C-alpha atoms as a PDB file:
ATOM      1  CA  UNK A   1    -100.551 -23.447-112.716  1.00  0.00           C
ATOM      2  CA  UNK A   2    -101.463 -20.905-110.045  1.00  0.00           C
ATOM      3  CA  UNK A   3    -100.274 -17.342-110.275  1.00  0.00           C
ATOM      4  CA  UNK A   4    -101.151 -13.680-109.963  1.00  0.00           C
ATOM      5  CA  UNK A   5     -99.475 -10.669-111.467  1.00  0.00           C
ATOM      6  CA  UNK A   6     -97.079  -9.950-108.615  1.00  0.00           C
ATOM      7  CA  UNK A   7     -96.445 -13.443-107.241  1.00  0.00           C
ATOM      8  CA  UNK A   8     -94.372 -16.467-108.099  1.00  0.00           C
ATOM      9  CA  UNK A   9     -95.682 -19.251-110.333  1.00  0.00           C
ATOM     10  CA  UNK A  10     -96.140 -22.781-108.983  1.00  0.00           C
ATOM     11  CA  UNK A  11     -96.804 -25.543-111.508  1.00  0.00           C
ATOM     12  CA  UNK A  12     -99.135 -28.459-110.806  1.00  0.00           C
ATOM     13  CA  UNK A  13     -97.787 -31.913-111.593  1.00  0.00           C
ATOM     14  CA  UNK A  14     -99.180 -35.264-110.426  1.00  0.00           C
ATOM     15  CA  UNK A  15     -97.269 -38.527-110.743  1.00  0.00           C
ATOM     16  CA  UNK A  16     -98.316 -42.074-109.921  1.00  0.00           C
ATOM     17  CA  UNK A  17     -95.461 -44.526-110.438  1.00  0.00           C
ATOM     18  CA  UNK A  18     -95.761 -48.180-111.429  1.00  0.00           C
ATOM     19  CA  UNK A  19     -95.286 -49.310-107.828  1.00  0.00           C
ATOM     20  CA  UNK A  20     -98.128 -47.086-106.607  1.00  0.00           C
ATOM     21  CA  UNK A  21     -95.935 -44.356-105.126  1.00  0.00           C
ATOM     22  CA  UNK A  22     -97.461 -40.911-105.658  1.00  0.00           C
ATOM     23  CA  UNK A  23     -95.970 -37.444-105.865  1.00  0.00           C
ATOM     24  CA  UNK A  24     -97.811 -34.126-106.097  1.00  0.00           C
ATOM     25  CA  UNK A  25     -96.346 -30.763-107.077  1.00  0.00           C
ATOM     26  CA  UNK A  26     -98.110 -27.433-106.824  1.00  0.00           C
ATOM     27  CA  UNK A  27     -99.731 -27.459-103.409  1.00  0.00           C
ATOM     28  CA  UNK A  28     -96.637 -26.914-101.245  1.00  0.00           C
ATOM     29  CA  UNK A  29     -92.856 -27.049-101.379  1.00  0.00           C
ATOM     30  CA  UNK A  30     -91.411 -30.544-101.533  1.00  0.00           C
ATOM     31  CA  UNK A  31     -88.315 -31.390 -99.523  1.00  0.00           C
ATOM     32  CA  UNK A  32     -85.723 -33.678-101.127  1.00  0.00           C
ATOM     33  CA  UNK A  33     -83.335 -35.198 -98.602  1.00  0.00           C
ATOM     34  CA  UNK A  34     -79.745 -35.755 -99.727  1.00  0.00           C
ATOM     35  CA  UNK A  35     -78.475 -39.308 -99.206  1.00  0.00           C
ATOM     36  CA  UNK A  36     -74.783 -39.634-100.009  1.00  0.00           C
ATOM     37  CA  UNK A  37     -73.648 -43.243-100.298  1.00  0.00           C
ATOM     38  CA  UNK A  38     -70.090 -42.007-100.814  1.00  0.00           C
ATOM     39  CA  UNK A  39     -66.853 -41.778 -98.830  1.00  0.00           C
ATOM     40  CA  UNK A  40     -65.978 -38.273-100.048  1.00  0.00           C
ATOM     41  CA  UNK A  41     -68.999 -35.948-100.176  1.00  0.00           C
ATOM     42  CA  UNK A  42     -68.039 -32.359 -99.335  1.00  0.00           C
ATOM     43  CA  UNK A  43     -70.480 -32.163 -96.436  1.00  0.00           C
ATOM     44  CA  UNK A  44     -70.891 -35.625 -94.932  1.00  0.00           C
ATOM     45  CA  UNK A  45     -68.388 -37.835 -96.710  1.00  0.00           C
ATOM     46  CA  UNK A  46     -67.988 -41.232 -95.094  1.00  0.00           C
ATOM     47  CA  UNK A  47     -70.718 -40.784 -92.501  1.00  0.00           C
ATOM     48  CA  UNK A  48     -73.194 -42.862 -94.508  1.00  0.00           C
ATOM     49  CA  UNK A  49     -70.854 -45.148 -96.448  1.00  0.00           C
ATOM     50  CA  UNK A  50     -72.640 -48.429 -95.719  1.00  0.00           C
ATOM     51  CA  UNK A  51     -76.182 -49.538 -96.467  1.00  0.00           C
ATOM     52  CA  UNK A  52     -77.347 -49.728 -92.865  1.00  0.00           C
ATOM     53  CA  UNK A  53     -76.164 -46.195 -92.113  1.00  0.00           C
ATOM     54  CA  UNK A  54     -77.753 -44.793 -95.273  1.00  0.00           C
ATOM     55  CA  UNK A  55     -81.077 -46.504 -94.551  1.00  0.00           C
ATOM     56  CA  UNK A  56     -81.052 -45.219 -90.970  1.00  0.00           C
ATOM     57  CA  UNK A  57     -80.359 -41.717 -92.254  1.00  0.00           C
ATOM     58  CA  UNK A  58     -83.152 -42.082 -94.819  1.00  0.00           C
ATOM     59  CA  UNK A  59     -85.611 -43.124 -92.138  1.00  0.00           C
ATOM     60  CA  UNK A  60     -84.614 -40.111 -90.047  1.00  0.00           C
ATOM     61  CA  UNK A  61     -85.110 -37.771 -93.026  1.00  0.00           C
ATOM     62  CA  UNK A  62     -88.528 -39.253 -93.754  1.00  0.00           C
ATOM     63  CA  UNK A  63     -89.591 -38.793 -90.131  1.00  0.00           C
ATOM     64  CA  UNK A  64     -88.363 -35.194 -90.292  1.00  0.00           C
ATOM     65  CA  UNK A  65     -90.509 -34.471 -93.343  1.00  0.00           C
ATOM     66  CA  UNK A  66     -88.621 -35.442 -96.505  1.00  0.00           C
ATOM     67  CA  UNK A  67     -90.933 -35.962 -99.489  1.00  0.00           C
ATOM     68  CA  UNK A  68     -88.241 -37.392-101.800  1.00  0.00           C
ATOM     69  CA  UNK A  69     -84.883 -39.040-101.113  1.00  0.00           C
ATOM     70  CA  UNK A  70     -82.011 -38.343-103.538  1.00  0.00           C
ATOM     71  CA  UNK A  71     -79.403 -41.115-103.607  1.00  0.00           C
ATOM     72  CA  UNK A  72     -75.913 -40.432-104.922  1.00  0.00           C
ATOM     73  CA  UNK A  73     -72.986 -42.797-105.339  1.00  0.00           C
ATOM     74  CA  UNK A  74     -70.454 -40.285-106.637  1.00  0.00           C
ATOM     75  CA  UNK A  75     -69.468 -37.046-104.967  1.00  0.00           C
ATOM     76  CA  UNK A  76     -69.845 -33.988-107.200  1.00  0.00           C
ATOM     77  CA  UNK A  77     -68.093 -31.599-104.849  1.00  0.00           C
ATOM     78  CA  UNK A  78     -65.653 -29.112-106.453  1.00  0.00           C
ATOM     79  CA  UNK A  79     -62.654 -31.033-107.800  1.00  0.00           C
ATOM     80  CA  UNK A  80     -64.396 -34.404-107.602  1.00  0.00           C
ATOM     81  CA  UNK A  81     -63.010 -37.440-109.401  1.00  0.00           C
ATOM     82  CA  UNK A  82     -65.374 -39.607-111.412  1.00  0.00           C
ATOM     83  CA  UNK A  83     -65.923 -43.187-110.282  1.00  0.00           C
ATOM     84  CA  UNK A  84     -66.604 -46.162-112.535  1.00  0.00           C
ATOM     85  CA  UNK A  85     -70.130 -47.294-113.308  1.00  0.00           C
ATOM     86  CA  UNK A  86     -69.484 -50.527-111.429  1.00  0.00           C
ATOM     87  CA  UNK A  87     -68.353 -48.666-108.318  1.00  0.00           C
ATOM     88  CA  UNK A  88     -71.295 -46.285-108.477  1.00  0.00           C
ATOM     89  CA  UNK A  89     -73.736 -49.164-108.882  1.00  0.00           C
ATOM     90  CA  UNK A  90     -72.179 -51.057-105.969  1.00  0.00           C
ATOM     91  CA  UNK A  91     -72.937 -48.042-103.777  1.00  0.00           C
ATOM     92  CA  UNK A  92     -76.461 -47.118-104.871  1.00  0.00           C
ATOM     93  CA  UNK A  93     -78.274 -50.323-105.878  1.00  0.00           C
ATOM     94  CA  UNK A  94     -78.127 -51.944-102.400  1.00  0.00           C
ATOM     95  CA  UNK A  95     -79.401 -48.680-100.911  1.00  0.00           C
ATOM     96  CA  UNK A  96     -82.291 -48.393-103.380  1.00  0.00           C
ATOM     97  CA  UNK A  97     -83.219 -52.036-102.823  1.00  0.00           C
ATOM     98  CA  UNK A  98     -83.191 -51.599 -99.056  1.00  0.00           C
ATOM     99  CA  UNK A  99     -85.211 -48.373 -99.189  1.00  0.00           C
ATOM    100  CA  UNK A 100     -87.902 -49.906-101.390  1.00  0.00           C
ATOM    101  CA  UNK A 101     -88.309 -52.475 -98.617  1.00  0.00           C
ATOM    102  CA  UNK A 102     -87.990 -50.151 -95.621  1.00  0.00           C
ATOM    103  CA  UNK A 103     -89.737 -46.999 -96.953  1.00  0.00           C
ATOM    104  CA  UNK A 104     -91.915 -48.196 -99.844  1.00  0.00           C
ATOM    105  CA  UNK A 105     -94.072 -45.055 -99.864  1.00  0.00           C
ATOM    106  CA  UNK A 106     -91.192 -42.618-100.501  1.00  0.00           C
ATOM    107  CA  UNK A 107     -90.202 -41.517-104.043  1.00  0.00           C
ATOM    108  CA  UNK A 108     -86.504 -42.097-104.725  1.00  0.00           C
ATOM    109  CA  UNK A 109     -84.271 -40.039-107.004  1.00  0.00           C
ATOM    110  CA  UNK A 110     -80.988 -41.311-108.436  1.00  0.00           C
ATOM    111  CA  UNK A 111     -78.304 -38.625-108.617  1.00  0.00           C
ATOM    112  CA  UNK A 112     -76.206 -39.682-111.605  1.00  0.00           C
ATOM    113  CA  UNK A 113     -75.102 -38.517-115.031  1.00  0.00           C
ATOM    114  CA  UNK A 114     -74.481 -42.062-116.300  1.00  0.00           C
ATOM    115  CA  UNK A 115     -77.295 -43.763-118.221  1.00  0.00           C
ATOM    116  CA  UNK A 116     -76.305 -47.277-117.137  1.00  0.00           C
ATOM    117  CA  UNK A 117     -76.552 -46.260-113.491  1.00  0.00           C
ATOM    118  CA  UNK A 118     -79.851 -44.508-114.117  1.00  0.00           C
ATOM    119  CA  UNK A 119     -81.383 -47.524-115.889  1.00  0.00           C
ATOM    120  CA  UNK A 120     -80.316 -50.044-113.253  1.00  0.00           C
ATOM    121  CA  UNK A 121     -81.443 -47.728-110.465  1.00  0.00           C
ATOM    122  CA  UNK A 122     -84.874 -47.345-112.052  1.00  0.00           C
ATOM    123  CA  UNK A 123     -85.083 -51.122-112.423  1.00  0.00           C
ATOM    124  CA  UNK A 124     -84.193 -51.466-108.729  1.00  0.00           C
ATOM    125  CA  UNK A 125     -86.996 -49.108-107.699  1.00  0.00           C
ATOM    126  CA  UNK A 126     -85.900 -45.488-108.158  1.00  0.00           C
ATOM    127  CA  UNK A 127     -88.492 -43.088-109.599  1.00  0.00           C
ATOM    128  CA  UNK A 128     -86.627 -39.953-110.721  1.00  0.00           C
ATOM    129  CA  UNK A 129     -83.367 -39.177-112.549  1.00  0.00           C
ATOM    130  CA  UNK A 130     -81.318 -36.247-111.242  1.00  0.00           C
ATOM    131  CA  UNK A 131     -78.626 -35.410-113.816  1.00  0.00           C
ATOM    132  CA  UNK A 132     -76.152 -32.666-112.878  1.00  0.00           C
ATOM    133  CA  UNK A 133     -75.047 -32.472-116.544  1.00  0.00           C
ATOM    134  CA  UNK A 134     -78.528 -31.806-117.881  1.00  0.00           C
ATOM    135  CA  UNK A 135     -78.610 -34.862-120.194  1.00  0.00           C
ATOM    136  CA  UNK A 136     -75.552 -33.528-122.044  1.00  0.00           C
ATOM    137  CA  UNK A 137     -72.858 -35.838-120.644  1.00  0.00           C
ATOM    138  CA  UNK A 138     -74.196 -39.271-121.571  1.00  0.00           C
ATOM    139  CA  UNK A 139     -75.965 -39.392-124.962  1.00  0.00           C
ATOM    140  CA  UNK A 140     -78.141 -42.281-123.751  1.00  0.00           C
ATOM    141  CA  UNK A 141     -79.492 -40.553-120.641  1.00  0.00           C
ATOM    142  CA  UNK A 142     -82.436 -38.814-122.301  1.00  0.00           C
ATOM    143  CA  UNK A 143     -83.459 -42.081-123.962  1.00  0.00           C
ATOM    144  CA  UNK A 144     -83.386 -43.799-120.561  1.00  0.00           C
ATOM    145  CA  UNK A 145     -85.659 -41.138-119.085  1.00  0.00           C
ATOM    146  CA  UNK A 146     -88.043 -41.461-122.030  1.00  0.00           C
ATOM    147  CA  UNK A 147     -88.069 -45.251-121.878  1.00  0.00           C
ATOM    148  CA  UNK A 148     -89.013 -45.342-118.206  1.00  0.00           C
ATOM    149  CA  UNK A 149     -91.321 -42.318-118.382  1.00  0.00           C
ATOM    150  CA  UNK A 150     -89.825 -40.927-115.200  1.00  0.00           C
ATOM    151  CA  UNK A 151     -89.394 -37.319-114.103  1.00  0.00           C
ATOM    152  CA  UNK A 152     -85.919 -36.050-114.967  1.00  0.00           C
ATOM    153  CA  UNK A 153     -84.163 -33.151-113.257  1.00  0.00           C
ATOM    154  CA  UNK A 154     -82.181 -31.147-115.798  1.00  0.00           C
ATOM    155  CA  UNK A 155     -79.459 -29.183-114.036  1.00  0.00           C
ATOM    156  CA  UNK A 156     -77.522 -26.295-115.481  1.00  0.00           C
ATOM    157  CA  UNK A 157     -73.839 -27.077-115.845  1.00  0.00           C
ATOM    158  CA  UNK A 158     -71.026 -26.459-118.306  1.00  0.00           C
ATOM    159  CA  UNK A 159     -67.279 -27.022-118.569  1.00  0.00           C
ATOM    160  CA  UNK A 160     -66.236 -23.394-118.034  1.00  0.00           C
ATOM    161  CA  UNK A 161     -67.350 -20.213-116.310  1.00  0.00           C
ATOM    162  CA  UNK A 162     -67.029 -18.206-119.510  1.00  0.00           C
ATOM    163  CA  UNK A 163     -70.376 -16.411-119.785  1.00  0.00           C
ATOM    164  CA  UNK A 164     -71.301 -13.532-122.057  1.00  0.00           C
ATOM    165  CA  UNK A 165     -74.341 -12.779-119.887  1.00  0.00           C
ATOM    166  CA  UNK A 166     -74.910 -15.204-117.022  1.00  0.00           C
ATOM    167  CA  UNK A 167     -78.653 -15.733-116.826  1.00  0.00           C
ATOM    168  CA  UNK A 168     -79.446 -15.585-120.564  1.00  0.00           C
ATOM    169  CA  UNK A 169     -76.590 -18.034-121.114  1.00  0.00           C
ATOM    170  CA  UNK A 170     -77.949 -20.324-118.388  1.00  0.00           C
ATOM    171  CA  UNK A 171     -81.394 -20.241-119.934  1.00  0.00           C
ATOM    172  CA  UNK A 172     -79.955 -21.012-123.369  1.00  0.00           C
ATOM    173  CA  UNK A 173     -78.016 -23.974-121.951  1.00  0.00           C
ATOM    174  CA  UNK A 174     -81.143 -25.285-120.223  1.00  0.00           C
ATOM    175  CA  UNK A 175     -83.231 -24.879-123.367  1.00  0.00           C
ATOM    176  CA  UNK A 176     -80.677 -26.998-125.228  1.00  0.00           C
ATOM    177  CA  UNK A 177     -81.016 -29.691-122.558  1.00  0.00           C
ATOM    178  CA  UNK A 178     -84.804 -29.481-122.767  1.00  0.00           C
ATOM    179  CA  UNK A 179     -84.442 -29.961-126.521  1.00  0.00           C
ATOM    180  CA  UNK A 180     -82.345 -33.103-125.932  1.00  0.00           C
ATOM    181  CA  UNK A 181     -85.062 -34.437-123.637  1.00  0.00           C
ATOM    182  CA  UNK A 182     -87.896 -33.677-126.017  1.00  0.00           C
ATOM    183  CA  UNK A 183     -86.048 -35.129-129.017  1.00  0.00           C
ATOM    184  CA  UNK A 184     -85.693 -38.404-127.093  1.00  0.00           C
ATOM    185  CA  UNK A 185     -89.394 -38.475-126.274  1.00  0.00           C
ATOM    186  CA  UNK A 186     -89.414 -37.164-122.693  1.00  0.00           C
ATOM    187  CA  UNK A 187     -92.786 -35.564-122.000  1.00  0.00           C
ATOM    188  CA  UNK A 188     -92.692 -31.923-120.972  1.00  0.00           C
ATOM    189  CA  UNK A 189     -94.682 -32.776-117.845  1.00  0.00           C
ATOM    190  CA  UNK A 190     -91.768 -34.980-116.741  1.00  0.00           C
ATOM    191  CA  UNK A 191     -89.102 -32.260-116.952  1.00  0.00           C
ATOM    192  CA  UNK A 192     -87.895 -30.370-113.884  1.00  0.00           C
ATOM    193  CA  UNK A 193     -85.160 -27.743-113.982  1.00  0.00           C
ATOM    194  CA  UNK A 194     -82.309 -26.911-111.604  1.00  0.00           C
ATOM    195  CA  UNK A 195     -80.191 -23.722-111.871  1.00  0.00           C
ATOM    196  CA  UNK A 196     -77.113 -25.714-110.875  1.00  0.00           C
ATOM    197  CA  UNK A 197     -76.011 -23.453-108.042  1.00  0.00           C
ATOM    198  CA  UNK A 198     -72.349 -24.207-107.314  1.00  0.00           C
ATOM    199  CA  UNK A 199     -71.679 -25.764-110.724  1.00  0.00           C
ATOM    200  CA  UNK A 200     -69.536 -23.809-113.221  1.00  0.00           C
ATOM    201  CA  UNK A 201     -70.286 -20.582-111.361  1.00  0.00           C
ATOM    202  CA  UNK A 202     -68.216 -18.109-109.403  1.00  0.00           C
ATOM    203  CA  UNK A 203     -69.291 -16.733-106.045  1.00  0.00           C
ATOM    204  CA  UNK A 204     -70.811 -13.702-107.782  1.00  0.00           C
ATOM    205  CA  UNK A 205     -72.451 -15.913-110.418  1.00  0.00           C
ATOM    206  CA  UNK A 206     -74.195 -17.928-107.710  1.00  0.00           C
ATOM    207  CA  UNK A 207     -75.558 -14.831-106.022  1.00  0.00           C
ATOM    208  CA  UNK A 208     -76.747 -13.367-109.312  1.00  0.00           C
ATOM    209  CA  UNK A 209     -78.434 -16.613-110.359  1.00  0.00           C
ATOM    210  CA  UNK A 210     -80.267 -16.773-107.035  1.00  0.00           C
ATOM    211  CA  UNK A 211     -81.397 -13.181-107.346  1.00  0.00           C
ATOM    212  CA  UNK A 212     -82.863 -13.874-110.792  1.00  0.00           C
ATOM    213  CA  UNK A 213     -84.563 -17.223-110.197  1.00  0.00           C
ATOM    214  CA  UNK A 214     -87.912 -15.980-111.520  1.00  0.00           C
ATOM    215  CA  UNK A 215     -86.417 -15.864-115.005  1.00  0.00           C
ATOM    216  CA  UNK A 216     -85.897 -19.608-114.664  1.00  0.00           C
ATOM    217  CA  UNK A 217     -89.197 -20.466-112.979  1.00  0.00           C
ATOM    218  CA  UNK A 218     -90.990 -18.534-115.742  1.00  0.00           C
ATOM    219  CA  UNK A 219     -89.859 -21.093-118.358  1.00  0.00           C
ATOM    220  CA  UNK A 220     -92.851 -23.296-117.596  1.00  0.00           C
ATOM    221  CA  UNK A 221     -91.280 -26.173-115.656  1.00  0.00           C
ATOM    222  CA  UNK A 222     -91.053 -26.974-111.933  1.00  0.00           C
ATOM    223  CA  UNK A 223     -87.702 -25.891-110.519  1.00  0.00           C
ATOM    224  CA  UNK A 224     -85.592 -27.697-107.948  1.00  0.00           C
ATOM    225  CA  UNK A 225     -83.128 -25.623-105.925  1.00  0.00           C
ATOM    226  CA  UNK A 226     -80.035 -27.198-104.372  1.00  0.00           C
ATOM    227  CA  UNK A 227     -78.054 -24.730-102.278  1.00  0.00           C
ATOM    228  CA  UNK A 228     -77.670 -26.710 -99.075  1.00  0.00           C
ATOM    229  CA  UNK A 229     -74.351 -26.036 -97.270  1.00  0.00           C
ATOM    230  CA  UNK A 230     -72.666 -24.951-100.500  1.00  0.00           C
ATOM    231  CA  UNK A 231     -69.445 -23.012-100.749  1.00  0.00           C
ATOM    232  CA  UNK A 232     -70.932 -19.627-101.580  1.00  0.00           C
ATOM    233  CA  UNK A 233     -72.909 -19.766 -98.325  1.00  0.00           C
ATOM    234  CA  UNK A 234     -69.798 -20.780 -96.400  1.00  0.00           C
ATOM    235  CA  UNK A 235     -67.934 -17.856 -97.939  1.00  0.00           C
ATOM    236  CA  UNK A 236     -70.690 -15.358 -97.179  1.00  0.00           C
ATOM    237  CA  UNK A 237     -70.982 -16.455 -93.549  1.00  0.00           C
ATOM    238  CA  UNK A 238     -67.270 -17.267 -93.135  1.00  0.00           C
ATOM    239  CA  UNK A 239     -68.270 -20.656 -91.733  1.00  0.00           C
ATOM    240  CA  UNK A 240     -67.734 -24.353 -92.360  1.00  0.00           C
ATOM    241  CA  UNK A 241     -70.191 -26.534 -94.276  1.00  0.00           C
ATOM    242  CA  UNK A 242     -71.695 -27.779 -91.014  1.00  0.00           C
ATOM    243  CA  UNK A 243     -72.334 -24.276 -89.648  1.00  0.00           C
ATOM    244  CA  UNK A 244     -74.379 -22.619 -92.390  1.00  0.00           C
ATOM    245  CA  UNK A 245     -77.927 -23.658 -91.584  1.00  0.00           C
ATOM    246  CA  UNK A 246     -79.143 -20.051 -91.426  1.00  0.00           C
ATOM    247  CA  UNK A 247     -77.596 -19.253 -94.784  1.00  0.00           C
ATOM    248  CA  UNK A 248     -79.170 -22.318 -96.359  1.00  0.00           C
ATOM    249  CA  UNK A 249     -82.504 -21.339 -94.808  1.00  0.00           C
ATOM    250  CA  UNK A 250     -82.267 -17.890 -96.377  1.00  0.00           C
ATOM    251  CA  UNK A 251     -81.754 -19.383 -99.831  1.00  0.00           C
ATOM    252  CA  UNK A 252     -84.631 -21.847 -99.349  1.00  0.00           C
ATOM    253  CA  UNK A 253     -87.042 -19.063 -98.394  1.00  0.00           C
ATOM    254  CA  UNK A 254     -85.813 -16.930-101.295  1.00  0.00           C
ATOM    255  CA  UNK A 255     -86.190 -19.819-103.714  1.00  0.00           C
ATOM    256  CA  UNK A 256     -89.769 -20.495-102.648  1.00  0.00           C
ATOM    257  CA  UNK A 257     -90.620 -16.805-103.009  1.00  0.00           C
ATOM    258  CA  UNK A 258     -89.252 -16.943-106.570  1.00  0.00           C
ATOM    259  CA  UNK A 259     -91.248 -20.049-107.492  1.00  0.00           C
ATOM    260  CA  UNK A 260     -88.894 -22.974-106.820  1.00  0.00           C
ATOM    261  CA  UNK A 261     -90.968 -26.003-105.822  1.00  0.00           C
ATOM    262  CA  UNK A 262     -88.481 -28.650-104.657  1.00  0.00           C
ATOM    263  CA  UNK A 263     -85.655 -28.028-102.181  1.00  0.00           C
ATOM    264  CA  UNK A 264     -82.705 -30.438-102.112  1.00  0.00           C
ATOM    265  CA  UNK A 265     -81.278 -30.256 -98.581  1.00  0.00           C
ATOM    266  CA  UNK A 266     -79.191 -31.973 -95.925  1.00  0.00           C
ATOM    267  CA  UNK A 267     -80.999 -30.501 -92.899  1.00  0.00           C
ATOM    268  CA  UNK A 268     -84.508 -31.782 -93.509  1.00  0.00           C
ATOM    269  CA  UNK A 269     -86.222 -30.868 -90.256  1.00  0.00           C
ATOM    270  CA  UNK A 270     -85.045 -27.258 -90.274  1.00  0.00           C
ATOM    271  CA  UNK A 271     -85.699 -26.675 -93.978  1.00  0.00           C
ATOM    272  CA  UNK A 272     -89.128 -28.302 -93.734  1.00  0.00           C
ATOM    273  CA  UNK A 273     -90.024 -25.690 -91.123  1.00  0.00           C
ATOM    274  CA  UNK A 274     -88.632 -22.889 -93.278  1.00  0.00           C
ATOM    275  CA  UNK A 275     -90.715 -24.164 -96.190  1.00  0.00           C
ATOM    276  CA  UNK A 276     -93.878 -24.408 -94.095  1.00  0.00           C
ATOM    277  CA  UNK A 277     -93.549 -20.754 -93.135  1.00  0.00           C
ATOM    278  CA  UNK A 278     -92.620 -19.565 -96.619  1.00  0.00           C
ATOM    279  CA  UNK A 279     -95.441 -21.613 -98.149  1.00  0.00           C
ATOM    280  CA  UNK A 280     -97.981 -20.065 -95.780  1.00  0.00           C
ATOM    281  CA  UNK A 281     -97.115 -16.714 -97.328  1.00  0.00           C
ATOM    282  CA  UNK A 282     -96.145 -17.496-100.922  1.00  0.00           C
ATOM    283  CA  UNK A 283     -98.625 -20.211-101.855  1.00  0.00           C
ATOM    284  CA  UNK A 284    -101.440 -18.229-100.258  1.00  0.00           C
ATOM    285  CA  UNK A 285    -100.458 -15.183-102.309  1.00  0.00           C
ATOM    286  CA  UNK A 286    -100.437 -17.336-105.456  1.00  0.00           C
ATOM    287  CA  UNK A 287    -103.920 -18.668-104.741  1.00  0.00           C
ATOM    288  CA  UNK A 288    -102.985 -22.214-103.734  1.00  0.00           C
ATOM    289  CA  UNK A 289    -105.196 -23.849-101.136  1.00  0.00           C
END
């Protein structure tokens, strides 16, 4: 951990996976590229709905600076409808298999809240579980993460927007999810947190959560921030999801300044450049080399 009294905290984590892929946290911001193998994502639904298109998009993201690729087979846009495990697997497993062949050096994350999908994705070559329900939807998910010893991204989410006090309630929810992980045997060094921007939050909730990110990054775990093209940015800028790159950039820079270490984004090249500039200021201030 590197910190000083008036700066953000950045946590050091080093992972070497069974296939030799390595991932380092704590020296700079990592960029996670969003790969939607779905026909109905809110931002790019249908554009990458076959394996060849997804792999081509993945290669482009890697060349633009993505450190991790996050593969999803079910849209989680507002009002989404769940798909079956079989359908989800039919979308993601061919992509993971192809990416292990085409980009063997790149860590892969599986964006799912279903343990069966997570297990089969890890068997196929994925390295990280990204669960938007914070291990609380599928009672077997934490056990899967423990069994494979993989990093797991615990996102804040709930079934209603009924908060007594937004950020303390978020932290309490996340601590419960951390407890689920620990009870299953997930090592603390394998836990990452995500404030779940856009999930079970109003427009005002999202802005407040972003303004108070240091209360989350102070919990002692690396934090992933996923704001890319989301509705609260569209509303603020009065623009469509494909015309909010500046708004996304503002949230990425803010997140880095508050200690978030992984940015989940659609626009890799632009956000990589934002991160490089923010890192030059924020990581230097925190004493990172």
